Amino acid sequence: MNLKQLSEYLNLSQTTVSRALNGYPEVNEDTRTRVLKAAHELNYRPNTRAKGLATGRALAIGHVIPVSNQHEMVNPVFGDFIAGAGESYAKAGYDMMLSLVADQDEARAYQDIRARGTVDGIIVHGPVINDVRIALLSGIGLPFVVHGRSTDVNLAYSWIDVNNRGAFERGTQFLIELGHRRIALLNGLEHMDFAFRRRKGYETALQNNALSIDPDLMRSEEMTEIYGYRATKAMLGYEDPPTAIVCSSIITAIGARRAIHEAGLTLARDVSIITFDDALSYLENGDDVPIFTALRSSVRYAGREAAEMLLSLISVPMNAPKTRLLEAELIIGRSTGPAPT
């Protein structure tokens, strides 16, 4: 059923029906109720393109993914964020547009998107330190929200992020209070802002407890299971190996646990692990009792909130930039225990 058919069924003009469906205040409340009831009963769905033409909006949100980061498309963290954002888009009647571009073409892609008017706003993923995309998007006037923050960017912009530095300071402090003194860090790529902040939090906890920062106990790579396995295996071979490991991803922590078991050691008794947990839908941290002690913050929730933030900026363009800092919750699991004597 289209708008014309619904209007004829109700014996109302198409303009009145359209205004009732879109919440215009001048429509009589009884009329609005009657229109909404009929639309529901007749399973009427507005044509998104036509609605966009009427409102002057594309009714779509863009996500630009560099080709070199194709792994992001299958990364469960990215998937959960997109799922959360999609819930908010659908509720507001917006579509999602994913664009894969070559790294060197990313800046031009944003400019082309703006020129074509194919989206009303952009979510920026994976901010790096001093991320040039923020200045670019601010300059071309396309509403955007960054999932994360960018150190050394002094412009005002909208973002939602986890308190990564505070979380890793707290997690490392937890291990220190259990008596651990040789604590390793398996971090993500440290040109990425989140990983840079996590290393700072880890180092702060060590410094606050007069513990030395040992570069041999710090790794920075793509957060995969094999990375966690290889890095842990190598460090367990040291003459003075770590008794605890802080991981930036539960995927990396799974690899670290495999290396510990393969070495004939017992998790939590011989080596403790604390990890960041994005509360992933398809990679849950145990059932009733968590497998890993974790710093937990739902990336799906962050996706929903980022989308709501962007939709608000689109709705009221003159709004000041919005920011939201989420705190990670410390969850005690079966992967940590007192330092071995």
C-alpha atoms as a PDB file:
ATOM      1  CA  MET A   1       0.000   0.000   0.000  1.00  0.00           C
ATOM      2  CA  ASN A   2       1.268   3.471  -0.888  1.00  0.00           C
ATOM      3  CA  LEU A   3       0.428   6.902   0.504  1.00  0.00           C
ATOM      4  CA  LYS A   4      -2.210   7.592  -2.139  1.00  0.00           C
ATOM      5  CA  GLN A   5      -4.071   4.343  -1.367  1.00  0.00           C
ATOM      6  CA  LEU A   6      -3.905   4.978   2.381  1.00  0.00           C
ATOM      7  CA  SER A   7      -5.256   8.509   1.843  1.00  0.00           C
ATOM      8  CA  GLU A   8      -8.156   7.233  -0.287  1.00  0.00           C
ATOM      9  CA  TYR A   9      -8.974   4.583   2.343  1.00  0.00           C
ATOM     10  CA  LEU A  10      -9.134   7.278   5.032  1.00  0.00           C
ATOM     11  CA  ASN A  11     -10.855   9.833   2.739  1.00  0.00           C
ATOM     12  CA  LEU A  12      -8.153  12.365   3.631  1.00  0.00           C
ATOM     13  CA  SER A  13      -5.682  14.320   1.530  1.00  0.00           C
ATOM     14  CA  GLN A  14      -2.196  12.876   1.035  1.00  0.00           C
ATOM     15  CA  THR A  15      -0.768  15.993   2.688  1.00  0.00           C
ATOM     16  CA  THR A  16      -2.824  15.458   5.845  1.00  0.00           C
ATOM     17  CA  VAL A  17      -1.916  11.779   6.042  1.00  0.00           C
ATOM     18  CA  SER A  18       1.780  12.521   5.487  1.00  0.00           C
ATOM     19  CA  ARG A  19       1.784  15.217   8.162  1.00  0.00           C
ATOM     20  CA  ALA A  20      -0.006  12.935  10.610  1.00  0.00           C
ATOM     21  CA  LEU A  21       2.514  10.145  10.035  1.00  0.00           C
ATOM     22  CA  ASN A  22       5.464  12.516  10.457  1.00  0.00           C
ATOM     23  CA  GLY A  23       4.262  14.123  13.681  1.00  0.00           C
ATOM     24  CA  TYR A  24       3.427  17.626  12.491  1.00  0.00           C
ATOM     25  CA  PRO A  25       1.772  19.517  15.411  1.00  0.00           C
ATOM     26  CA  GLU A  26      -0.963  21.183  13.320  1.00  0.00           C
ATOM     27  CA  VAL A  27      -2.693  17.851  12.690  1.00  0.00           C
ATOM     28  CA  ASN A  28      -5.748  17.212  14.890  1.00  0.00           C
ATOM     29  CA  GLU A  29      -4.975  14.553  17.514  1.00  0.00           C
ATOM     30  CA  ASP A  30      -8.052  12.484  16.628  1.00  0.00           C
ATOM     31  CA  THR A  31      -6.997  12.534  12.971  1.00  0.00           C
ATOM     32  CA  ARG A  32      -3.444  11.560  13.852  1.00  0.00           C
ATOM     33  CA  THR A  33      -4.667   8.622  15.954  1.00  0.00           C
ATOM     34  CA  ARG A  34      -6.980   7.473  13.149  1.00  0.00           C
ATOM     35  CA  VAL A  35      -4.180   7.672  10.555  1.00  0.00           C
ATOM     36  CA  LEU A  36      -1.653   5.811  12.707  1.00  0.00           C
ATOM     37  CA  LYS A  37      -4.190   3.105  13.544  1.00  0.00           C
ATOM     38  CA  ALA A  38      -5.030   2.548   9.865  1.00  0.00           C
ATOM     39  CA  ALA A  39      -1.349   2.548   8.864  1.00  0.00           C
ATOM     40  CA  HIS A  40      -0.657  -0.132  11.454  1.00  0.00           C
ATOM     41  CA  GLU A  41      -3.658  -2.283  10.538  1.00  0.00           C
ATOM     42  CA  LEU A  42      -2.921  -2.056   6.810  1.00  0.00           C
ATOM     43  CA  ASN A  43       0.825  -2.601   7.283  1.00  0.00           C
ATOM     44  CA  TYR A  44       1.653   0.689   5.558  1.00  0.00           C
ATOM     45  CA  ARG A  45       5.373   1.522   5.318  1.00  0.00           C
ATOM     46  CA  PRO A  46       6.418   4.958   4.015  1.00  0.00           C
ATOM     47  CA  ASN A  47       8.691   5.098   0.984  1.00  0.00           C
ATOM     48  CA  THR A  48      12.053   6.165   2.397  1.00  0.00           C
ATOM     49  CA  ARG A  49      13.109   7.929  -0.786  1.00  0.00           C
ATOM     50  CA  ALA A  50       9.878   9.885  -0.986  1.00  0.00           C
ATOM     51  CA  LYS A  51      10.077  10.773   2.689  1.00  0.00           C
ATOM     52  CA  GLY A  52      13.637  11.951   2.160  1.00  0.00           C
ATOM     53  CA  LEU A  53      12.600  14.198  -0.700  1.00  0.00           C
ATOM     54  CA  ALA A  54       9.852  15.665   1.472  1.00  0.00           C
ATOM     55  CA  THR A  55      12.163  16.377   4.419  1.00  0.00           C
ATOM     56  CA  GLY A  56      15.260  17.351   2.451  1.00  0.00           C
ATOM     57  CA  ARG A  57      17.262  14.556   4.061  1.00  0.00           C
ATOM     58  CA  ALA A  58      18.853  11.366   2.765  1.00  0.00           C
ATOM     59  CA  LEU A  59      17.618   9.410   5.803  1.00  0.00           C
ATOM     60  CA  ALA A  60      20.852   7.415   5.814  1.00  0.00           C
ATOM     61  CA  ILE A  61      23.977   7.306   7.979  1.00  0.00           C
ATOM     62  CA  GLY A  62      27.398   6.555   6.520  1.00  0.00           C
ATOM     63  CA  HIS A  63      30.220   4.328   7.774  1.00  0.00           C
ATOM     64  CA  VAL A  64      33.449   4.578   5.728  1.00  0.00           C
ATOM     65  CA  ILE A  65      35.791   1.584   6.024  1.00  0.00           C
ATOM     66  CA  PRO A  66      39.345   1.709   4.557  1.00  0.00           C
ATOM     67  CA  VAL A  67      40.143  -1.370   2.451  1.00  0.00           C
ATOM     68  CA  SER A  68      43.355  -2.062   4.375  1.00  0.00           C
ATOM     69  CA  ASN A  69      41.171  -2.600   7.422  1.00  0.00           C
ATOM     70  CA  GLN A  70      38.870  -5.172   5.805  1.00  0.00           C
ATOM     71  CA  HIS A  71      39.311  -7.260   8.935  1.00  0.00           C
ATOM     72  CA  GLU A  72      37.076  -4.659  10.610  1.00  0.00           C
ATOM     73  CA  MET A  73      34.145  -6.013   8.639  1.00  0.00           C
ATOM     74  CA  VAL A  74      34.450  -9.408  10.318  1.00  0.00           C
ATOM     75  CA  ASN A  75      35.802  -8.170  13.630  1.00  0.00           C
ATOM     76  CA  PRO A  76      33.139  -9.004  16.244  1.00  0.00           C
ATOM     77  CA  VAL A  77      33.715  -5.619  17.911  1.00  0.00           C
ATOM     78  CA  PHE A  78      32.820  -3.781  14.687  1.00  0.00           C
ATOM     79  CA  GLY A  79      29.887  -6.134  14.113  1.00  0.00           C
ATOM     80  CA  ASP A  80      28.409  -5.526  17.554  1.00  0.00           C
ATOM     81  CA  PHE A  81      28.836  -1.750  17.239  1.00  0.00           C
ATOM     82  CA  ILE A  82      27.052  -1.770  13.874  1.00  0.00           C
ATOM     83  CA  ALA A  83      24.267  -3.940  15.295  1.00  0.00           C
ATOM     84  CA  GLY A  84      23.709  -1.487  18.141  1.00  0.00           C
ATOM     85  CA  ALA A  85      23.790   1.532  15.850  1.00  0.00           C
ATOM     86  CA  GLY A  86      21.428  -0.210  13.427  1.00  0.00           C
ATOM     87  CA  GLU A  87      18.813  -0.585  16.161  1.00  0.00           C
ATOM     88  CA  SER A  88      18.741   3.201  16.641  1.00  0.00           C
ATOM     89  CA  TYR A  89      18.732   3.908  12.891  1.00  0.00           C
ATOM     90  CA  ALA A  90      15.807   1.559  12.279  1.00  0.00           C
ATOM     91  CA  LYS A  91      13.791   3.105  15.091  1.00  0.00           C
ATOM     92  CA  ALA A  92      14.301   6.562  13.569  1.00  0.00           C
ATOM     93  CA  GLY A  93      13.571   5.409  10.000  1.00  0.00           C
ATOM     94  CA  TYR A  94      17.167   5.722   8.802  1.00  0.00           C
ATOM     95  CA  ASP A  95      19.159   3.383   6.582  1.00  0.00           C
ATOM     96  CA  MET A  96      22.852   2.546   6.925  1.00  0.00           C
ATOM     97  CA  MET A  97      25.407   2.951   4.137  1.00  0.00           C
ATOM     98  CA  LEU A  98      28.750   1.125   4.381  1.00  0.00           C
ATOM     99  CA  SER A  99      31.487   2.332   2.002  1.00  0.00           C
ATOM    100  CA  LEU A 100      34.733   0.441   1.412  1.00  0.00           C
ATOM    101  CA  VAL A 101      37.485   2.746   0.098  1.00  0.00           C
ATOM    102  CA  ALA A 102      41.233   2.580  -0.461  1.00  0.00           C
ATOM    103  CA  ASP A 103      43.242   4.236   2.321  1.00  0.00           C
ATOM    104  CA  GLN A 104      44.498   7.024   0.064  1.00  0.00           C
ATOM    105  CA  ASP A 105      40.939   7.741  -1.106  1.00  0.00           C
ATOM    106  CA  GLU A 106      39.320   8.067   2.317  1.00  0.00           C
ATOM    107  CA  ALA A 107      39.456  11.879   2.435  1.00  0.00           C
ATOM    108  CA  ARG A 108      37.985  12.123  -1.068  1.00  0.00           C
ATOM    109  CA  ALA A 109      35.279   9.624  -0.102  1.00  0.00           C
ATOM    110  CA  TYR A 110      34.019  11.923   2.660  1.00  0.00           C
ATOM    111  CA  GLN A 111      34.027  14.881   0.277  1.00  0.00           C
ATOM    112  CA  ASP A 112      32.159  12.886  -2.386  1.00  0.00           C
ATOM    113  CA  ILE A 113      29.576  11.705   0.155  1.00  0.00           C
ATOM    114  CA  ARG A 114      29.015  15.309   1.208  1.00  0.00           C
ATOM    115  CA  ALA A 115      28.731  16.523  -2.382  1.00  0.00           C
ATOM    116  CA  ARG A 116      26.266  13.778  -3.398  1.00  0.00           C
ATOM    117  CA  GLY A 117      24.158  14.205  -0.279  1.00  0.00           C
ATOM    118  CA  THR A 118      23.774  10.437   0.085  1.00  0.00           C
ATOM    119  CA  VAL A 119      23.932  10.493   3.900  1.00  0.00           C
ATOM    120  CA  ASP A 120      22.947  12.921   6.626  1.00  0.00           C
ATOM    121  CA  GLY A 121      25.840  12.079   8.922  1.00  0.00           C
ATOM    122  CA  ILE A 122      28.902   9.897   9.481  1.00  0.00           C
ATOM    123  CA  ILE A 123      30.188   7.629  12.241  1.00  0.00           C
ATOM    124  CA  VAL A 124      33.995   7.728  12.366  1.00  0.00           C
ATOM    125  CA  HIS A 125      35.617   4.432  13.389  1.00  0.00           C
ATOM    126  CA  GLY A 126      39.053   3.632  14.795  1.00  0.00           C
ATOM    127  CA  PRO A 127      40.418   7.112  15.544  1.00  0.00           C
ATOM    128  CA  VAL A 128      44.206   7.391  15.615  1.00  0.00           C
ATOM    129  CA  ILE A 129      46.332   9.924  17.440  1.00  0.00           C
ATOM    130  CA  ASN A 130      45.934  13.337  15.766  1.00  0.00           C
ATOM    131  CA  ASP A 131      43.298  11.968  13.388  1.00  0.00           C
ATOM    132  CA  VAL A 132      43.046  14.213  10.287  1.00  0.00           C
ATOM    133  CA  ARG A 133      39.507  13.016   9.512  1.00  0.00           C
ATOM    134  CA  ILE A 134      38.117  15.142  12.342  1.00  0.00           C
ATOM    135  CA  ALA A 135      39.351  18.413  10.851  1.00  0.00           C
ATOM    136  CA  LEU A 136      38.220  17.299   7.392  1.00  0.00           C
ATOM    137  CA  LEU A 137      34.658  16.486   8.463  1.00  0.00           C
ATOM    138  CA  SER A 138      34.446  19.641  10.581  1.00  0.00           C
ATOM    139  CA  GLY A 139      35.498  21.662   7.552  1.00  0.00           C
ATOM    140  CA  ILE A 140      32.996  20.238   5.082  1.00  0.00           C
ATOM    141  CA  GLY A 141      30.115  20.581   7.544  1.00  0.00           C
ATOM    142  CA  LEU A 142      28.913  16.970   7.577  1.00  0.00           C
ATOM    143  CA  PRO A 143      27.542  15.969  11.005  1.00  0.00           C
ATOM    144  CA  PHE A 144      29.651  13.217  12.558  1.00  0.00           C
ATOM    145  CA  VAL A 145      30.322  11.321  15.773  1.00  0.00           C
ATOM    146  CA  VAL A 146      33.617   9.603  16.544  1.00  0.00           C
ATOM    147  CA  HIS A 147      33.584   6.170  18.180  1.00  0.00           C
ATOM    148  CA  GLY A 148      36.530   6.959  20.423  1.00  0.00           C
ATOM    149  CA  ARG A 149      38.671  10.075  20.767  1.00  0.00           C
ATOM    150  CA  SER A 150      41.810  11.447  19.162  1.00  0.00           C
ATOM    151  CA  THR A 151      44.702  12.687  21.296  1.00  0.00           C
ATOM    152  CA  ASP A 152      46.284  15.940  20.038  1.00  0.00           C
ATOM    153  CA  VAL A 153      43.144  17.079  18.184  1.00  0.00           C
ATOM    154  CA  ASN A 154      42.151  20.433  19.669  1.00  0.00           C
ATOM    155  CA  LEU A 155      38.913  20.965  17.729  1.00  0.00           C
ATOM    156  CA  ALA A 156      35.545  20.577  19.424  1.00  0.00           C
ATOM    157  CA  TYR A 157      33.808  17.481  18.038  1.00  0.00           C
ATOM    158  CA  SER A 158      31.275  14.860  19.079  1.00  0.00           C
ATOM    159  CA  TRP A 159      32.495  11.524  20.430  1.00  0.00           C
ATOM    160  CA  ILE A 160      31.590   8.559  22.588  1.00  0.00           C
ATOM    161  CA  ASP A 161      34.395   6.625  24.228  1.00  0.00           C
ATOM    162  CA  VAL A 162      35.327   4.310  27.070  1.00  0.00           C
ATOM    163  CA  ASN A 163      37.635   5.623  29.773  1.00  0.00           C
ATOM    164  CA  ASN A 164      40.446   3.411  28.492  1.00  0.00           C
ATOM    165  CA  ARG A 165      43.192   4.991  30.552  1.00  0.00           C
ATOM    166  CA  GLY A 166      41.204   4.773  33.776  1.00  0.00           C
ATOM    167  CA  ALA A 167      40.140   1.194  33.051  1.00  0.00           C
ATOM    168  CA  PHE A 168      43.678  -0.082  32.480  1.00  0.00           C
ATOM    169  CA  GLU A 169      45.035   1.781  35.472  1.00  0.00           C
ATOM    170  CA  ARG A 170      42.333   0.151  37.583  1.00  0.00           C
ATOM    171  CA  GLY A 171      42.914  -3.318  36.094  1.00  0.00           C
ATOM    172  CA  THR A 172      46.675  -3.138  36.599  1.00  0.00           C
ATOM    173  CA  GLN A 173      46.186  -1.835  40.137  1.00  0.00           C
ATOM    174  CA  PHE A 174      43.929  -4.821  40.863  1.00  0.00           C
ATOM    175  CA  LEU A 175      46.745  -7.198  39.892  1.00  0.00           C
ATOM    176  CA  ILE A 176      49.271  -5.249  41.968  1.00  0.00           C
ATOM    177  CA  GLU A 177      47.001  -5.560  45.000  1.00  0.00           C
ATOM    178  CA  LEU A 178      47.022  -9.334  44.445  1.00  0.00           C
ATOM    179  CA  GLY A 179      50.784  -9.188  44.881  1.00  0.00           C
ATOM    180  CA  HIS A 180      51.877  -9.295  41.232  1.00  0.00           C
ATOM    181  CA  ARG A 181      55.029  -7.378  40.347  1.00  0.00           C
ATOM    182  CA  ARG A 182      55.875  -8.768  36.887  1.00  0.00           C
ATOM    183  CA  ILE A 183      52.828  -7.672  34.888  1.00  0.00           C
ATOM    184  CA  ALA A 184      52.802  -7.854  31.084  1.00  0.00           C
ATOM    185  CA  LEU A 185      50.690  -5.789  28.669  1.00  0.00           C
ATOM    186  CA  LEU A 186      49.329  -7.262  25.430  1.00  0.00           C
ATOM    187  CA  ASN A 187      47.990  -4.116  23.811  1.00  0.00           C
ATOM    188  CA  GLY A 188      46.450  -3.225  20.480  1.00  0.00           C
ATOM    189  CA  LEU A 189      48.240  -1.157  17.824  1.00  0.00           C
ATOM    190  CA  GLU A 190      49.400   1.916  19.709  1.00  0.00           C
ATOM    191  CA  HIS A 191      48.941   4.442  16.909  1.00  0.00           C
ATOM    192  CA  MET A 192      45.250   3.783  17.632  1.00  0.00           C
ATOM    193  CA  ASP A 193      44.050   6.195  20.291  1.00  0.00           C
ATOM    194  CA  PHE A 194      42.351   3.602  22.512  1.00  0.00           C
ATOM    195  CA  ALA A 195      45.555   1.526  22.767  1.00  0.00           C
ATOM    196  CA  PHE A 196      47.686   4.607  23.441  1.00  0.00           C
ATOM    197  CA  ARG A 197      45.415   5.516  26.361  1.00  0.00           C
ATOM    198  CA  ARG A 198      45.401   1.942  27.683  1.00  0.00           C
ATOM    199  CA  ARG A 199      49.201   1.831  27.784  1.00  0.00           C
ATOM    200  CA  LYS A 200      49.219   5.138  29.684  1.00  0.00           C
ATOM    201  CA  GLY A 201      46.820   3.685  32.262  1.00  0.00           C
ATOM    202  CA  TYR A 202      48.948   0.552  32.677  1.00  0.00           C
ATOM    203  CA  GLU A 203      52.131   2.611  33.083  1.00  0.00           C
ATOM    204  CA  THR A 204      50.482   4.969  35.577  1.00  0.00           C
ATOM    205  CA  ALA A 205      49.511   2.091  37.872  1.00  0.00           C
ATOM    206  CA  LEU A 206      53.062   0.707  37.784  1.00  0.00           C
ATOM    207  CA  GLN A 207      54.578   4.119  38.503  1.00  0.00           C
ATOM    208  CA  ASN A 208      52.150   4.798  41.344  1.00  0.00           C
ATOM    209  CA  ASN A 209      53.374   1.618  43.012  1.00  0.00           C
ATOM    210  CA  ALA A 210      57.095   2.240  42.379  1.00  0.00           C
ATOM    211  CA  LEU A 211      57.265  -0.632  39.868  1.00  0.00           C
ATOM    212  CA  SER A 212      59.568  -0.342  36.872  1.00  0.00           C
ATOM    213  CA  ILE A 213      58.188  -0.198  33.321  1.00  0.00           C
ATOM    214  CA  ASP A 214      59.833  -3.071  31.460  1.00  0.00           C
ATOM    215  CA  PRO A 215      59.642  -2.797  27.631  1.00  0.00           C
ATOM    216  CA  ASP A 216      60.213  -6.576  27.419  1.00  0.00           C
ATOM    217  CA  LEU A 217      56.806  -7.079  29.064  1.00  0.00           C
ATOM    218  CA  MET A 218      54.924  -4.850  26.620  1.00  0.00           C
ATOM    219  CA  ARG A 219      53.563  -5.863  23.210  1.00  0.00           C
ATOM    220  CA  SER A 220      51.555  -3.904  20.631  1.00  0.00           C
ATOM    221  CA  GLU A 221      49.966  -5.724  17.692  1.00  0.00           C
ATOM    222  CA  GLU A 222      46.673  -6.456  15.961  1.00  0.00           C
ATOM    223  CA  MET A 223      44.455  -8.016  18.635  1.00  0.00           C
ATOM    224  CA  THR A 224      44.170 -11.609  17.395  1.00  0.00           C
ATOM    225  CA  GLU A 225      44.196 -14.962  19.168  1.00  0.00           C
ATOM    226  CA  ILE A 226      47.520 -15.996  17.601  1.00  0.00           C
ATOM    227  CA  TYR A 227      49.109 -12.743  18.781  1.00  0.00           C
ATOM    228  CA  GLY A 228      48.040 -13.483  22.347  1.00  0.00           C
ATOM    229  CA  TYR A 229      49.349 -17.031  22.084  1.00  0.00           C
ATOM    230  CA  ARG A 230      52.755 -16.177  20.565  1.00  0.00           C
ATOM    231  CA  ALA A 231      53.460 -13.183  22.801  1.00  0.00           C
ATOM    232  CA  THR A 232      52.560 -15.098  25.973  1.00  0.00           C
ATOM    233  CA  LYS A 233      54.571 -18.138  24.929  1.00  0.00           C
ATOM    234  CA  ALA A 234      57.619 -15.951  24.324  1.00  0.00           C
ATOM    235  CA  MET A 235      57.349 -14.139  27.660  1.00  0.00           C
ATOM    236  CA  LEU A 236      56.788 -17.344  29.626  1.00  0.00           C
ATOM    237  CA  GLY A 237      60.190 -18.400  28.317  1.00  0.00           C
ATOM    238  CA  TYR A 238      61.933 -15.524  30.085  1.00  0.00           C
ATOM    239  CA  GLU A 239      64.218 -16.246  33.010  1.00  0.00           C
ATOM    240  CA  ASP A 240      61.922 -14.004  35.058  1.00  0.00           C
ATOM    241  CA  PRO A 241      58.517 -14.409  33.360  1.00  0.00           C
ATOM    242  CA  PRO A 242      55.414 -12.373  34.117  1.00  0.00           C
ATOM    243  CA  THR A 243      52.972 -13.666  36.718  1.00  0.00           C
ATOM    244  CA  ALA A 244      50.112 -11.599  35.300  1.00  0.00           C
ATOM    245  CA  ILE A 245      49.009 -10.270  31.916  1.00  0.00           C
ATOM    246  CA  VAL A 246      46.735  -7.365  30.998  1.00  0.00           C
ATOM    247  CA  CYS A 247      45.077  -7.913  27.584  1.00  0.00           C
ATOM    248  CA  SER A 248      43.367  -5.336  25.391  1.00  0.00           C
ATOM    249  CA  SER A 249      40.918  -7.861  23.930  1.00  0.00           C
ATOM    250  CA  ILE A 250      39.199 -11.030  25.063  1.00  0.00           C
ATOM    251  CA  ILE A 251      40.275 -12.527  21.715  1.00  0.00           C
ATOM    252  CA  THR A 252      43.924 -11.925  22.637  1.00  0.00           C
ATOM    253  CA  ALA A 253      43.256 -13.261  26.144  1.00  0.00           C
ATOM    254  CA  ILE A 254      42.027 -16.562  24.677  1.00  0.00           C
ATOM    255  CA  GLY A 255      45.376 -16.934  22.925  1.00  0.00           C
ATOM    256  CA  ALA A 256      47.263 -16.075  26.123  1.00  0.00           C
ATOM    257  CA  ARG A 257      45.275 -18.700  28.031  1.00  0.00           C
ATOM    258  CA  ARG A 258      46.167 -21.308  25.382  1.00  0.00           C
ATOM    259  CA  ALA A 259      49.885 -20.562  25.804  1.00  0.00           C
ATOM    260  CA  ILE A 260      49.618 -20.826  29.602  1.00  0.00           C
ATOM    261  CA  HIS A 261      47.916 -24.222  29.428  1.00  0.00           C
ATOM    262  CA  GLU A 262      50.353 -25.459  26.795  1.00  0.00           C
ATOM    263  CA  ALA A 263      53.237 -24.554  29.123  1.00  0.00           C
ATOM    264  CA  GLY A 264      51.749 -26.825  31.802  1.00  0.00           C
ATOM    265  CA  LEU A 265      50.748 -23.888  33.984  1.00  0.00           C
ATOM    266  CA  THR A 266      47.429 -23.217  35.687  1.00  0.00           C
ATOM    267  CA  LEU A 267      45.466 -20.042  34.967  1.00  0.00           C
ATOM    268  CA  ALA A 268      45.000 -17.866  38.069  1.00  0.00           C
ATOM    269  CA  ARG A 269      47.350 -20.015  40.155  1.00  0.00           C
ATOM    270  CA  ASP A 270      50.563 -19.645  38.133  1.00  0.00           C
ATOM    271  CA  VAL A 271      49.655 -16.790  35.773  1.00  0.00           C
ATOM    272  CA  SER A 272      46.742 -14.372  36.040  1.00  0.00           C
ATOM    273  CA  ILE A 273      44.963 -12.645  33.157  1.00  0.00           C
ATOM    274  CA  ILE A 274      42.751  -9.564  33.176  1.00  0.00           C
ATOM    275  CA  THR A 275      41.262  -8.456  29.869  1.00  0.00           C
ATOM    276  CA  PHE A 276      39.087  -5.817  28.296  1.00  0.00           C
ATOM    277  CA  ASP A 277      35.685  -7.292  27.429  1.00  0.00           C
ATOM    278  CA  ASP A 278      33.397  -5.584  24.891  1.00  0.00           C
ATOM    279  CA  ALA A 279      30.529  -7.874  26.006  1.00  0.00           C
ATOM    280  CA  LEU A 280      30.351  -9.355  22.513  1.00  0.00           C
ATOM    281  CA  SER A 281      27.152 -11.126  21.470  1.00  0.00           C
ATOM    282  CA  TYR A 282      28.929 -14.140  19.954  1.00  0.00           C
ATOM    283  CA  LEU A 283      31.959 -14.312  22.238  1.00  0.00           C
ATOM    284  CA  GLU A 284      30.621 -14.189  25.760  1.00  0.00           C
ATOM    285  CA  ASN A 285      32.932 -14.274  28.758  1.00  0.00           C
ATOM    286  CA  GLY A 286      31.564 -17.442  30.332  1.00  0.00           C
ATOM    287  CA  ASP A 287      28.079 -17.996  31.689  1.00  0.00           C
ATOM    288  CA  ASP A 288      27.193 -17.619  35.380  1.00  0.00           C
ATOM    289  CA  VAL A 289      30.831 -17.181  36.409  1.00  0.00           C
ATOM    290  CA  PRO A 290      33.056 -15.214  33.999  1.00  0.00           C
ATOM    291  CA  ILE A 291      36.043 -17.057  32.543  1.00  0.00           C
ATOM    292  CA  PHE A 292      38.199 -13.947  32.627  1.00  0.00           C
ATOM    293  CA  THR A 293      38.445 -11.175  35.155  1.00  0.00           C
ATOM    294  CA  ALA A 294      37.543  -8.310  32.870  1.00  0.00           C
ATOM    295  CA  LEU A 295      37.056  -4.604  32.365  1.00  0.00           C
ATOM    296  CA  ARG A 296      33.647  -4.714  30.697  1.00  0.00           C
ATOM    297  CA  SER A 297      31.913  -2.135  28.515  1.00  0.00           C
ATOM    298  CA  SER A 298      29.336  -3.119  25.896  1.00  0.00           C
ATOM    299  CA  VAL A 299      30.308  -2.009  22.396  1.00  0.00           C
ATOM    300  CA  ARG A 300      26.742  -2.720  21.230  1.00  0.00           C
ATOM    301  CA  TYR A 301      25.495  -0.174  23.774  1.00  0.00           C
ATOM    302  CA  ALA A 302      28.130   2.281  22.521  1.00  0.00           C
ATOM    303  CA  GLY A 303      26.803   1.767  18.980  1.00  0.00           C
ATOM    304  CA  ARG A 304      23.246   2.595  20.033  1.00  0.00           C
ATOM    305  CA  GLU A 305      24.373   5.686  21.944  1.00  0.00           C
ATOM    306  CA  ALA A 306      26.621   6.935  19.138  1.00  0.00           C
ATOM    307  CA  ALA A 307      23.735   6.613  16.671  1.00  0.00           C
ATOM    308  CA  GLU A 308      21.340   8.460  18.993  1.00  0.00           C
ATOM    309  CA  MET A 309      23.935  11.203  19.441  1.00  0.00           C
ATOM    310  CA  LEU A 310      24.382  11.601  15.681  1.00  0.00           C
ATOM    311  CA  LEU A 311      20.641  11.582  14.976  1.00  0.00           C
ATOM    312  CA  SER A 312      20.242  14.343  17.565  1.00  0.00           C
ATOM    313  CA  LEU A 313      22.931  16.436  15.846  1.00  0.00           C
ATOM    314  CA  ILE A 314      21.198  15.931  12.496  1.00  0.00           C
ATOM    315  CA  SER A 315      17.822  16.871  13.945  1.00  0.00           C
ATOM    316  CA  VAL A 316      19.129  20.074  15.542  1.00  0.00           C
ATOM    317  CA  PRO A 317      22.157  21.162  13.461  1.00  0.00           C
ATOM    318  CA  MET A 318      22.994  24.108  15.717  1.00  0.00           C
ATOM    319  CA  ASN A 319      23.540  21.867  18.734  1.00  0.00           C
ATOM    320  CA  ALA A 320      26.979  22.076  20.337  1.00  0.00           C
ATOM    321  CA  PRO A 321      29.195  18.975  19.990  1.00  0.00           C
ATOM    322  CA  LYS A 322      28.155  16.139  22.284  1.00  0.00           C
ATOM    323  CA  THR A 323      30.542  13.954  24.264  1.00  0.00           C
ATOM    324  CA  ARG A 324      30.027  10.820  26.350  1.00  0.00           C
ATOM    325  CA  LEU A 325      32.652   8.995  28.434  1.00  0.00           C
ATOM    326  CA  LEU A 326      31.661   5.475  29.479  1.00  0.00           C
ATOM    327  CA  GLU A 327      33.238   3.736  32.465  1.00  0.00           C
ATOM    328  CA  ALA A 328      34.258   0.078  32.248  1.00  0.00           C
ATOM    329  CA  GLU A 329      33.008  -2.223  34.990  1.00  0.00           C
ATOM    330  CA  LEU A 330      35.492  -4.519  36.750  1.00  0.00           C
ATOM    331  CA  ILE A 331      34.131  -8.085  36.643  1.00  0.00           C
ATOM    332  CA  ILE A 332      35.888 -10.717  38.785  1.00  0.00           C
ATOM    333  CA  GLY A 333      36.284 -14.032  36.976  1.00  0.00           C
ATOM    334  CA  ARG A 334      38.308 -17.235  37.207  1.00  0.00           C
ATOM    335  CA  SER A 335      41.485 -15.935  35.573  1.00  0.00           C
ATOM    336  CA  THR A 336      43.056 -14.014  38.443  1.00  0.00           C
ATOM    337  CA  GLY A 337      44.532 -15.003  41.790  1.00  0.00           C
ATOM    338  CA  PRO A 338      47.307 -14.026  44.208  1.00  0.00           C
ATOM    339  CA  ALA A 339      50.813 -13.844  42.831  1.00  0.00           C
ATOM    340  CA  PRO A 340      52.595 -17.209  43.144  1.00  0.00           C
ATOM    341  CA  THR A 341      55.245 -17.422  45.849  1.00  0.00           C
END
